[in-house]
């Protein structure tokens, strides 16, 4: 057991437009900055202590016991009968309710850190199942489309089978993913409630066709097909009007030259795809001027993060 270690867990896009609850991808800004939460863990004589720092720490519960990172540690120590205690520091670098997998990032960083620190009592699938369970406590239901890519990296397709929760699918390595968070927070539960309880058969068929075609295109590396079907027929028609400026941004980004635009998770962050850095920079500039409306808003040009959660070098 090391003296201390720090784990970074990247931001993620749930749904990726075409794959509601079934597709997710991890993000890595091209400028080399880290877009995600970190958790530092060290041994303590007894009990659990949690320090909350970072730009968005003020949005977290004041009482440590209410924080999901504390709850992860409490569960882990009890489940594996670990003697002594732990000191945890959460650096909350992702905004809450942003559509960038904020709660998933905290959960993944915490459980990954605990598992590493105490000699890996959980294998990969066991740890992923725990991550889904704890993230579900915040979002209201167990969905893996944020925790899976955050933990494992890349683009992940959710299978939700025993001992096979997800599988990675090939990414388009030339794509730039421009993401923009306007600075407002939207509740995942409230955004989910905007969707209808039932869908017409034709919509369900469209969803299945688009998702299967996107997965097929990913394996074939058929970029034109992937872009053609990368659309959201289940959630975006109902969520888009609730995100200020989204519909205008989607139109403007198409004029700039972006290939397609969608809602990251349940919003308000959007993502937009292109093949060249110059177009991505133009899109980022437009978004910073027109879509970022509140203090704390930001935009990043990203590739997919193929590493996922990892221990950061000391010092």
Protein backbone atom coordinates (compact mmCIF):
# COMPACT_ATOMS: atom_id res chain seq x y z
CA UNK A 1 0.00 0.00 0.00
CA UNK A 2 1.50 3.34 -1.05
CA UNK A 3 1.65 6.41 1.14
CA UNK A 4 -0.81 8.28 -1.08
CA UNK A 5 -2.00 8.41 -4.65
CA UNK A 6 -4.12 10.66 -6.85
CA UNK A 7 -6.57 9.37 -9.45
CA UNK A 8 -7.92 11.38 -12.35
CA UNK A 9 -11.25 10.46 -13.99
CA UNK A 10 -12.07 12.25 -17.28
CA UNK A 11 -15.26 13.98 -18.33
CA UNK A 12 -17.58 11.96 -20.52
CA UNK A 13 -20.42 12.32 -22.99
CA UNK A 14 -23.41 10.12 -22.24
CA UNK A 15 -25.64 9.02 -25.14
CA UNK A 16 -23.29 10.53 -27.78
CA UNK A 17 -26.50 11.61 -29.48
CA UNK A 18 -27.32 8.39 -31.30
CA UNK A 19 -27.06 5.92 -28.40
CA UNK A 20 -29.43 6.94 -25.61
CA UNK A 21 -28.20 5.25 -22.38
CA UNK A 22 -26.24 2.75 -24.52
CA UNK A 23 -23.25 4.75 -25.75
CA UNK A 24 -20.69 6.91 -23.98
CA UNK A 25 -17.29 8.42 -24.68
CA UNK A 26 -14.48 9.92 -22.58
CA UNK A 27 -13.02 13.33 -23.44
CA UNK A 28 -9.46 14.67 -23.56
CA UNK A 29 -8.80 18.34 -24.43
CA UNK A 30 -6.22 18.67 -27.19
CA UNK A 31 -4.34 21.33 -25.22
CA UNK A 32 -3.30 18.68 -22.71
CA UNK A 33 -5.36 20.04 -19.82
CA UNK A 34 -7.24 17.65 -17.55
CA UNK A 35 -11.02 17.88 -17.79
CA UNK A 36 -12.28 15.82 -14.88
CA UNK A 37 -12.26 15.28 -11.13
CA UNK A 38 -9.38 13.94 -9.06
CA UNK A 39 -9.37 12.08 -5.75
CA UNK A 40 -6.29 11.85 -3.55
CA UNK A 41 -6.22 9.08 -0.97
CA UNK A 42 -3.92 8.51 2.02
CA UNK A 43 -4.02 6.29 5.08
CA UNK A 44 -5.48 7.53 8.38
CA UNK A 45 -5.55 6.01 11.85
CA UNK A 46 -9.31 5.62 11.86
CA UNK A 47 -12.51 6.82 10.22
CA UNK A 48 -12.95 8.73 6.98
CA UNK A 49 -12.05 12.34 6.38
CA UNK A 50 -13.01 14.19 3.21
CA UNK A 51 -11.71 17.54 2.01
CA UNK A 52 -13.51 19.20 -0.90
CA UNK A 53 -11.56 21.59 -3.12
CA UNK A 54 -11.73 22.72 -6.74
CA UNK A 55 -13.68 25.26 -8.78
CA UNK A 56 -17.04 23.55 -8.23
CA UNK A 57 -16.62 22.39 -4.63
CA UNK A 58 -19.08 25.05 -3.46
CA UNK A 59 -21.83 23.17 -5.28
CA UNK A 60 -21.32 20.02 -3.18
CA UNK A 61 -23.08 19.15 0.10
CA UNK A 62 -21.47 20.83 3.12
CA UNK A 63 -21.71 17.66 5.18
CA UNK A 64 -19.02 15.15 4.08
CA UNK A 65 -21.28 12.18 4.83
CA UNK A 66 -23.66 13.38 2.10
CA UNK A 67 -20.92 13.37 -0.53
CA UNK A 68 -20.85 10.33 -2.81
CA UNK A 69 -17.05 10.08 -2.46
CA UNK A 70 -17.41 9.67 1.31
CA UNK A 71 -20.13 7.08 0.77
CA UNK A 72 -17.91 5.15 -1.64
CA UNK A 73 -15.15 5.03 0.99
CA UNK A 74 -17.56 4.01 3.75
CA UNK A 75 -18.90 1.14 1.65
CA UNK A 76 -15.46 0.01 0.50
CA UNK A 77 -13.95 -0.12 3.99
CA UNK A 78 -16.92 -2.07 5.34
CA UNK A 79 -17.22 -4.50 2.42
CA UNK A 80 -13.58 -5.54 2.55
CA UNK A 81 -13.23 -5.29 6.35
CA UNK A 82 -10.36 -2.83 6.03
CA UNK A 83 -8.83 -1.80 9.32
CA UNK A 84 -7.87 1.82 9.96
CA UNK A 85 -9.18 4.74 7.99
CA UNK A 86 -8.60 6.93 4.97
CA UNK A 87 -8.09 10.59 4.21
CA UNK A 88 -9.63 11.71 0.93
CA UNK A 89 -9.38 14.94 -1.02
CA UNK A 90 -11.84 15.50 -3.86
CA UNK A 91 -10.91 18.16 -6.38
CA UNK A 92 -14.26 18.98 -7.98
CA UNK A 93 -13.28 20.27 -11.40
CA UNK A 94 -16.46 19.42 -13.33
CA UNK A 95 -19.64 21.45 -12.88
CA UNK A 96 -22.63 19.67 -11.37
CA UNK A 97 -25.55 19.12 -13.75
CA UNK A 98 -23.45 19.93 -16.81
CA UNK A 99 -23.97 16.87 -19.01
CA UNK A 100 -20.28 15.97 -18.74
CA UNK A 101 -20.59 13.07 -16.32
CA UNK A 102 -19.75 15.10 -13.22
CA UNK A 103 -21.10 12.62 -10.67
CA UNK A 104 -19.61 9.71 -12.64
CA UNK A 105 -16.20 11.37 -12.57
CA UNK A 106 -16.28 11.70 -8.77
CA UNK A 107 -17.48 8.12 -8.30
CA UNK A 108 -14.98 6.63 -10.73
CA UNK A 109 -12.06 8.58 -9.24
CA UNK A 110 -13.05 7.56 -5.70
CA UNK A 111 -13.61 3.85 -6.31
CA UNK A 112 -10.60 3.53 -8.62
CA UNK A 113 -8.43 5.20 -5.95
CA UNK A 114 -9.78 2.99 -3.17
CA UNK A 115 -9.29 -0.16 -5.21
CA UNK A 116 -5.72 0.77 -6.16
CA UNK A 117 -4.79 1.89 -2.66
CA UNK A 118 -6.01 -1.31 -0.99
CA UNK A 119 -4.48 -3.82 -3.40
CA UNK A 120 -7.24 -4.23 -6.01
CA UNK A 121 -9.78 -6.43 -4.22
CA UNK A 122 -12.21 -5.80 -7.12
CA UNK A 123 -11.63 -6.91 -10.69
CA UNK A 124 -12.57 -4.63 -13.57
CA UNK A 125 -16.17 -5.78 -13.97
CA UNK A 126 -16.82 -5.80 -10.21
CA UNK A 127 -15.49 -2.28 -9.89
CA UNK A 128 -17.51 -1.06 -12.87
CA UNK A 129 -20.68 -2.52 -11.35
CA UNK A 130 -19.96 -0.65 -8.11
CA UNK A 131 -19.38 2.56 -10.04
CA UNK A 132 -22.74 2.20 -11.77
CA UNK A 133 -24.49 1.55 -8.47
CA UNK A 134 -23.06 4.62 -6.73
CA UNK A 135 -23.48 6.97 -9.70
CA UNK A 136 -27.09 5.80 -9.86
CA UNK A 137 -27.64 7.09 -6.33
CA UNK A 138 -27.15 10.60 -7.70
CA UNK A 139 -28.71 10.35 -11.17
CA UNK A 140 -31.70 8.31 -9.95
CA UNK A 141 -31.04 5.09 -11.88
CA UNK A 142 -28.12 2.88 -12.85
CA UNK A 143 -26.80 3.87 -16.27
CA UNK A 144 -23.27 3.06 -17.39
CA UNK A 145 -22.91 5.45 -20.33
CA UNK A 146 -20.85 7.88 -18.22
CA UNK A 147 -19.06 5.66 -15.71
CA UNK A 148 -17.94 3.08 -18.30
CA UNK A 149 -16.04 5.47 -20.61
CA UNK A 150 -14.84 7.52 -17.65
CA UNK A 151 -13.32 4.38 -16.11
CA UNK A 152 -12.22 2.50 -19.25
CA UNK A 153 -11.70 5.30 -21.77
CA UNK A 154 -12.61 5.52 -25.44
CA UNK A 155 -16.13 4.94 -26.73
CA UNK A 156 -18.11 2.27 -24.91
CA UNK A 157 -21.24 0.39 -25.96
CA UNK A 158 -23.38 -0.75 -23.03
CA UNK A 159 -24.29 -4.46 -23.04
CA UNK A 160 -25.42 -4.81 -19.40
CA UNK A 161 -24.88 -8.56 -19.42
CA UNK A 162 -23.60 -10.59 -16.46
CA UNK A 163 -19.81 -10.15 -16.34
CA UNK A 164 -19.96 -8.09 -19.54
CA UNK A 165 -21.30 -4.65 -18.79
CA UNK A 166 -19.84 -2.91 -21.83
CA UNK A 167 -17.50 -3.26 -24.80
CA UNK A 168 -15.32 -0.66 -26.47
CA UNK A 169 -15.99 0.16 -30.12
CA UNK A 170 -13.54 1.75 -32.58
CA UNK A 171 -13.43 5.53 -32.61
CA UNK A 172 -12.81 7.88 -35.51
CA UNK A 173 -9.35 9.06 -34.54
CA UNK A 174 -9.42 12.06 -36.91
CA UNK A 175 -12.52 13.59 -35.34
CA UNK A 176 -12.39 16.66 -33.14
CA UNK A 177 -15.13 16.90 -30.54
CA UNK A 178 -15.87 20.50 -29.56
CA UNK A 179 -17.76 20.67 -26.27
CA UNK A 180 -19.28 23.77 -24.70
CA UNK A 181 -20.81 24.17 -21.24
CA UNK A 182 -22.82 27.43 -21.01
CA UNK A 183 -22.51 27.81 -17.23
CA UNK A 184 -25.99 26.73 -16.14
CA UNK A 185 -26.93 23.47 -14.42
CA UNK A 186 -29.74 21.15 -15.44
CA UNK A 187 -31.01 18.26 -13.33
CA UNK A 188 -30.61 14.90 -15.07
CA UNK A 189 -33.85 13.70 -13.46
CA UNK A 190 -35.77 16.76 -14.67
CA UNK A 191 -34.37 16.50 -18.19
CA UNK A 192 -35.27 12.82 -18.29
CA UNK A 193 -38.81 13.71 -17.18
CA UNK A 194 -39.24 15.82 -20.33
CA UNK A 195 -39.19 12.67 -22.43
CA UNK A 196 -42.41 10.77 -23.17
CA UNK A 197 -43.22 7.48 -21.46
CA UNK A 198 -44.04 5.84 -24.78
CA UNK A 199 -42.77 6.21 -28.34
CA UNK A 200 -44.28 5.48 -31.75
CA UNK A 201 -43.02 2.29 -33.35
CA UNK A 202 -41.43 4.28 -36.18
CA UNK A 203 -39.30 6.26 -33.70
CA UNK A 204 -38.10 3.09 -31.99
CA UNK A 205 -37.16 1.62 -35.38
CA UNK A 206 -35.28 4.81 -36.28
CA UNK A 207 -33.37 4.66 -32.99
CA UNK A 208 -32.38 1.03 -33.49
CA UNK A 209 -31.40 1.60 -37.11
CA UNK A 210 -29.28 4.67 -36.32
CA UNK A 211 -27.45 3.11 -33.39
CA UNK A 212 -26.74 -0.17 -35.16
CA UNK A 213 -25.62 1.72 -38.28
CA UNK A 214 -23.30 3.90 -36.18
CA UNK A 215 -21.69 0.87 -34.54
CA UNK A 216 -21.37 -0.79 -37.96
CA UNK A 217 -19.82 2.39 -39.39
CA UNK A 218 -17.39 2.56 -36.48
CA UNK A 219 -16.05 -0.92 -37.23
CA UNK A 220 -15.94 -0.23 -40.97
CA UNK A 221 -14.47 3.25 -40.32
CA UNK A 222 -17.12 4.60 -42.67
CA UNK A 223 -17.06 8.22 -41.62
CA UNK A 224 -19.83 9.41 -43.95
CA UNK A 225 -22.25 6.78 -42.68
CA UNK A 226 -21.39 7.50 -39.04
CA UNK A 227 -22.09 11.22 -39.46
CA UNK A 228 -25.32 10.55 -41.36
CA UNK A 229 -26.80 8.49 -38.52
CA UNK A 230 -25.28 10.35 -35.54
CA UNK A 231 -28.61 11.88 -34.54
CA UNK A 232 -30.85 11.66 -31.49
CA UNK A 233 -34.49 10.78 -32.13
CA UNK A 234 -35.36 9.86 -28.53
CA UNK A 235 -34.26 12.71 -26.28
CA UNK A 236 -33.14 15.76 -28.26
CA UNK A 237 -36.56 16.65 -29.71
CA UNK A 238 -37.86 17.05 -26.15
CA UNK A 239 -34.77 18.39 -24.40
CA UNK A 240 -33.48 20.87 -26.97
CA UNK A 241 -36.11 23.57 -26.26
CA UNK A 242 -35.21 23.42 -22.54
CA UNK A 243 -31.55 24.29 -23.20
CA UNK A 244 -31.20 28.04 -23.79
CA UNK A 245 -29.52 28.81 -27.11
CA UNK A 246 -29.01 25.19 -28.17
CA UNK A 247 -31.09 25.23 -31.35
CA UNK A 248 -29.47 28.48 -32.52
CA UNK A 249 -26.02 27.06 -31.75
CA UNK A 250 -26.72 23.91 -33.75
CA UNK A 251 -27.63 25.97 -36.81
CA UNK A 252 -24.65 28.30 -36.44
CA UNK A 253 -22.20 25.43 -36.00
CA UNK A 254 -23.44 23.84 -39.22
CA UNK A 255 -22.74 27.12 -41.02
CA UNK A 256 -19.23 27.18 -39.54
CA UNK A 257 -18.63 23.76 -41.08
CA UNK A 258 -19.23 21.33 -38.22
CA UNK A 259 -20.51 17.96 -39.41
CA UNK A 260 -23.07 17.29 -36.68
CA UNK A 261 -24.05 18.63 -33.26
CA UNK A 262 -25.79 17.02 -30.31
CA UNK A 263 -26.50 17.23 -26.60
CA UNK A 264 -23.92 15.75 -24.25
CA UNK A 265 -25.77 13.60 -21.74
CA UNK A 266 -28.88 15.46 -20.68
CA UNK A 267 -27.30 18.88 -21.31
CA UNK A 268 -26.75 21.77 -21.22
CA UNK A 269 -23.29 20.92 -22.63
CA UNK A 270 -23.34 20.36 -26.38
CA UNK A 271 -20.88 18.50 -28.55
CA UNK A 272 -20.06 19.16 -32.19
CA UNK A 273 -17.90 17.10 -34.53
CA UNK A 274 -15.50 18.02 -37.32
CA UNK A 275 -12.40 16.63 -39.05
CA UNK A 276 -9.98 19.59 -38.95
CA UNK A 277 -8.57 21.79 -36.21
CA UNK A 278 -9.24 25.06 -38.00
CA UNK A 279 -12.98 24.41 -38.15
CA UNK A 280 -12.94 23.27 -34.53
CA UNK A 281 -11.26 26.52 -33.51
CA UNK A 282 -13.89 28.56 -35.37
CA UNK A 283 -16.64 26.61 -33.64
CA UNK A 284 -15.03 27.09 -30.24
CA UNK A 285 -14.74 30.84 -30.84
CA UNK A 286 -18.40 31.09 -31.84
CA UNK A 287 -19.51 29.11 -28.80
CA UNK A 288 -17.42 31.19 -26.42
CA UNK A 289 -19.01 34.34 -27.78
CA UNK A 290 -22.60 33.17 -28.11
CA UNK A 291 -23.29 29.99 -26.10
CA UNK A 292 -21.39 30.62 -22.87
CA UNK A 293 -23.84 32.79 -20.98
CA UNK A 294 -22.89 32.42 -17.30
CA UNK A 295 -19.76 32.64 -15.17
CA UNK A 296 -17.95 29.32 -15.21
CA UNK A 297 -18.93 28.38 -18.75
CA UNK A 298 -16.21 26.90 -20.94
CA UNK A 299 -15.49 25.28 -24.28
CA UNK A 300 -12.82 22.72 -25.20
CA UNK A 301 -11.60 21.12 -28.40
CA UNK A 302 -11.20 17.44 -27.57
CA UNK A 303 -10.21 14.06 -28.88
CA UNK A 304 -11.53 10.94 -27.20
CA UNK A 305 -9.63 9.97 -24.07
CA UNK A 306 -8.50 6.41 -24.74
CA UNK A 307 -6.99 5.90 -21.29
CA UNK A 308 -9.86 6.57 -18.90
CA UNK A 309 -9.25 6.75 -15.16
CA UNK A 310 -5.60 6.62 -14.12
CA UNK A 311 -3.21 7.24 -11.27
CA UNK A 312 -1.41 10.56 -11.80
CA UNK A 313 2.36 10.77 -11.36
CA UNK A 314 3.42 12.00 -7.93
CA UNK A 315 4.71 15.55 -7.79
